[in-house]
Amino acid sequence: MNPFWTALSCLGSMLLGMSLMYVYRRRLPQHAGAGEGATNVWQLIDHVEAEAKRNATPTGRHHLREPREPTEHSTLDTVPIHEPPSFELHHRVLEALQRL
């Protein structure tokens, strides 16, 4: 069969299927009254905000492994960094090793 007719028949069947889906789809009301006890938008927003607040505070031991928020730089929190040894010491050690 010619590729043109194959492509045309595929396109035609897709268009027929889409048109049938459009015509025979279920038409349900989108914004009808939900009735007694249904959750409204403001309740959902309050629920999401409460959940976000609850998740913002770390609990359990796992929060100790997570990085903390940056705080003011303190001298008590830092380890003093000493100046590295001079190159003279390196050269003396290298010469001593070469003499071995």
C-alpha atoms as a PDB file:
ATOM      1  CA  MET A   1       0.000   0.000   0.000  1.00  0.00           C
ATOM      2  CA  ASN A   2       1.232   3.458  -0.783  1.00  0.00           C
ATOM      3  CA  PRO A   3       2.667   5.317   2.280  1.00  0.00           C
ATOM      4  CA  PHE A   4       0.487   8.306   1.454  1.00  0.00           C
ATOM      5  CA  TRP A   5      -2.697   6.278   1.865  1.00  0.00           C
ATOM      6  CA  THR A   6      -1.399   4.694   5.071  1.00  0.00           C
ATOM      7  CA  ALA A   7      -0.635   8.086   6.610  1.00  0.00           C
ATOM      8  CA  LEU A   8      -3.960   9.483   5.416  1.00  0.00           C
ATOM      9  CA  SER A   9      -5.909   6.578   6.923  1.00  0.00           C
ATOM     10  CA  CYS A  10      -4.060   6.952  10.267  1.00  0.00           C
ATOM     11  CA  LEU A  11      -4.794  10.674  10.324  1.00  0.00           C
ATOM     12  CA  GLY A  12      -8.439  10.075   9.422  1.00  0.00           C
ATOM     13  CA  SER A  13      -8.898   7.468  12.149  1.00  0.00           C
ATOM     14  CA  MET A  14      -7.313   9.788  14.727  1.00  0.00           C
ATOM     15  CA  LEU A  15      -9.611  12.649  13.725  1.00  0.00           C
ATOM     16  CA  LEU A  16     -12.634  10.349  13.838  1.00  0.00           C
ATOM     17  CA  GLY A  17     -11.673   9.088  17.308  1.00  0.00           C
ATOM     18  CA  MET A  18     -11.121  12.600  18.659  1.00  0.00           C
ATOM     19  CA  SER A  19     -14.430  13.828  17.278  1.00  0.00           C
ATOM     20  CA  LEU A  20     -16.279  10.847  18.809  1.00  0.00           C
ATOM     21  CA  MET A  21     -14.619  11.488  22.173  1.00  0.00           C
ATOM     22  CA  TYR A  22     -15.660  15.142  22.005  1.00  0.00           C
ATOM     23  CA  VAL A  23     -19.281  14.339  21.113  1.00  0.00           C
ATOM     24  CA  TYR A  24     -19.853  11.470  23.559  1.00  0.00           C
ATOM     25  CA  ARG A  25     -17.838  12.623  26.571  1.00  0.00           C
ATOM     26  CA  ARG A  26     -19.495  12.673  29.994  1.00  0.00           C
ATOM     27  CA  ARG A  27     -20.743  16.117  30.796  1.00  0.00           C
ATOM     28  CA  LEU A  28     -20.449  16.547  34.551  1.00  0.00           C
ATOM     29  CA  PRO A  29     -20.980  19.849  36.330  1.00  0.00           C
ATOM     30  CA  GLN A  30     -17.632  21.366  37.195  1.00  0.00           C
ATOM     31  CA  HIS A  31     -18.568  23.833  39.941  1.00  0.00           C
ATOM     32  CA  ALA A  32     -21.743  22.488  41.442  1.00  0.00           C
ATOM     33  CA  GLY A  33     -22.549  22.815  45.130  1.00  0.00           C
ATOM     34  CA  ALA A  34     -20.621  20.156  47.006  1.00  0.00           C
ATOM     35  CA  GLY A  35     -23.089  19.812  49.832  1.00  0.00           C
ATOM     36  CA  GLU A  36     -22.774  19.433  53.582  1.00  0.00           C
ATOM     37  CA  GLY A  37     -19.319  18.667  54.976  1.00  0.00           C
ATOM     38  CA  ALA A  38     -17.402  19.409  51.769  1.00  0.00           C
ATOM     39  CA  THR A  39     -14.011  21.083  52.012  1.00  0.00           C
ATOM     40  CA  ASN A  40     -13.852  24.559  50.531  1.00  0.00           C
ATOM     41  CA  VAL A  41     -10.884  26.485  49.153  1.00  0.00           C
ATOM     42  CA  TRP A  42     -10.192  28.438  52.343  1.00  0.00           C
ATOM     43  CA  GLN A  43     -10.041  25.251  54.392  1.00  0.00           C
ATOM     44  CA  LEU A  44      -7.577  23.782  51.904  1.00  0.00           C
ATOM     45  CA  ILE A  45      -5.403  26.909  52.074  1.00  0.00           C
ATOM     46  CA  ASP A  46      -5.402  26.803  55.891  1.00  0.00           C
ATOM     47  CA  HIS A  47      -4.524  23.100  55.787  1.00  0.00           C
ATOM     48  CA  VAL A  48      -1.574  23.698  53.433  1.00  0.00           C
ATOM     49  CA  GLU A  49      -0.272  26.613  55.531  1.00  0.00           C
ATOM     50  CA  ALA A  50      -0.505  24.565  58.731  1.00  0.00           C
ATOM     51  CA  GLU A  51       1.317  21.674  57.072  1.00  0.00           C
ATOM     52  CA  ALA A  52       4.058  23.993  55.807  1.00  0.00           C
ATOM     53  CA  LYS A  53       4.486  25.468  59.296  1.00  0.00           C
ATOM     54  CA  ARG A  54       4.585  21.982  60.816  1.00  0.00           C
ATOM     55  CA  ASN A  55       7.213  20.832  58.304  1.00  0.00           C
ATOM     56  CA  ALA A  56       9.341  23.955  58.810  1.00  0.00           C
ATOM     57  CA  THR A  57      10.387  22.940  62.320  1.00  0.00           C
ATOM     58  CA  PRO A  58      12.775  19.974  62.290  1.00  0.00           C
ATOM     59  CA  THR A  59      11.988  16.992  64.485  1.00  0.00           C
ATOM     60  CA  GLY A  60      13.855  13.839  65.369  1.00  0.00           C
ATOM     61  CA  ARG A  61      17.527  13.077  65.101  1.00  0.00           C
ATOM     62  CA  HIS A  62      17.711  13.424  61.332  1.00  0.00           C
ATOM     63  CA  HIS A  63      17.574  17.212  61.528  1.00  0.00           C
ATOM     64  CA  LEU A  64      21.006  17.210  63.142  1.00  0.00           C
ATOM     65  CA  ARG A  65      22.526  16.028  59.865  1.00  0.00           C
ATOM     66  CA  GLU A  66      20.894  18.726  57.769  1.00  0.00           C
ATOM     67  CA  PRO A  67      22.694  22.051  57.360  1.00  0.00           C
ATOM     68  CA  ARG A  68      21.530  24.794  59.676  1.00  0.00           C
ATOM     69  CA  GLU A  69      20.504  28.273  58.693  1.00  0.00           C
ATOM     70  CA  PRO A  70      23.446  30.672  58.429  1.00  0.00           C
ATOM     71  CA  THR A  71      23.989  32.568  61.670  1.00  0.00           C
ATOM     72  CA  GLU A  72      26.253  35.335  62.846  1.00  0.00           C
ATOM     73  CA  HIS A  73      29.924  34.402  62.671  1.00  0.00           C
ATOM     74  CA  SER A  74      31.177  33.457  66.112  1.00  0.00           C
ATOM     75  CA  THR A  75      34.698  32.716  67.272  1.00  0.00           C
ATOM     76  CA  LEU A  76      33.386  29.890  69.445  1.00  0.00           C
ATOM     77  CA  ASP A  77      32.028  27.977  66.446  1.00  0.00           C
ATOM     78  CA  THR A  78      35.188  28.113  64.349  1.00  0.00           C
ATOM     79  CA  VAL A  79      38.341  26.052  64.472  1.00  0.00           C
ATOM     80  CA  PRO A  80      41.499  28.158  64.345  1.00  0.00           C
ATOM     81  CA  ILE A  81      43.408  27.675  61.102  1.00  0.00           C
ATOM     82  CA  HIS A  82      47.134  27.642  61.614  1.00  0.00           C
ATOM     83  CA  GLU A  83      49.564  28.869  59.015  1.00  0.00           C
ATOM     84  CA  PRO A  84      51.017  25.993  56.992  1.00  0.00           C
ATOM     85  CA  PRO A  85      54.657  25.090  57.574  1.00  0.00           C
ATOM     86  CA  SER A  86      57.209  26.923  55.467  1.00  0.00           C
ATOM     87  CA  PHE A  87      58.764  25.475  52.341  1.00  0.00           C
ATOM     88  CA  GLU A  88      62.097  25.339  54.149  1.00  0.00           C
ATOM     89  CA  LEU A  89      60.767  22.530  56.325  1.00  0.00           C
ATOM     90  CA  HIS A  90      59.543  20.705  53.222  1.00  0.00           C
ATOM     91  CA  HIS A  91      62.962  20.987  51.582  1.00  0.00           C
ATOM     92  CA  ARG A  92      64.733  19.707  54.687  1.00  0.00           C
ATOM     93  CA  VAL A  93      62.406  16.704  54.900  1.00  0.00           C
ATOM     94  CA  LEU A  94      62.871  16.003  51.186  1.00  0.00           C
ATOM     95  CA  GLU A  95      66.672  16.152  51.504  1.00  0.00           C
ATOM     96  CA  ALA A  96      66.573  13.832  54.521  1.00  0.00           C
ATOM     97  CA  LEU A  97      64.452  11.341  52.605  1.00  0.00           C
ATOM     98  CA  GLN A  98      66.777  11.453  49.616  1.00  0.00           C
ATOM     99  CA  ARG A  99      69.761  10.723  51.878  1.00  0.00           C
ATOM    100  CA  LEU A 100      68.157   7.515  53.073  1.00  0.00           C
END
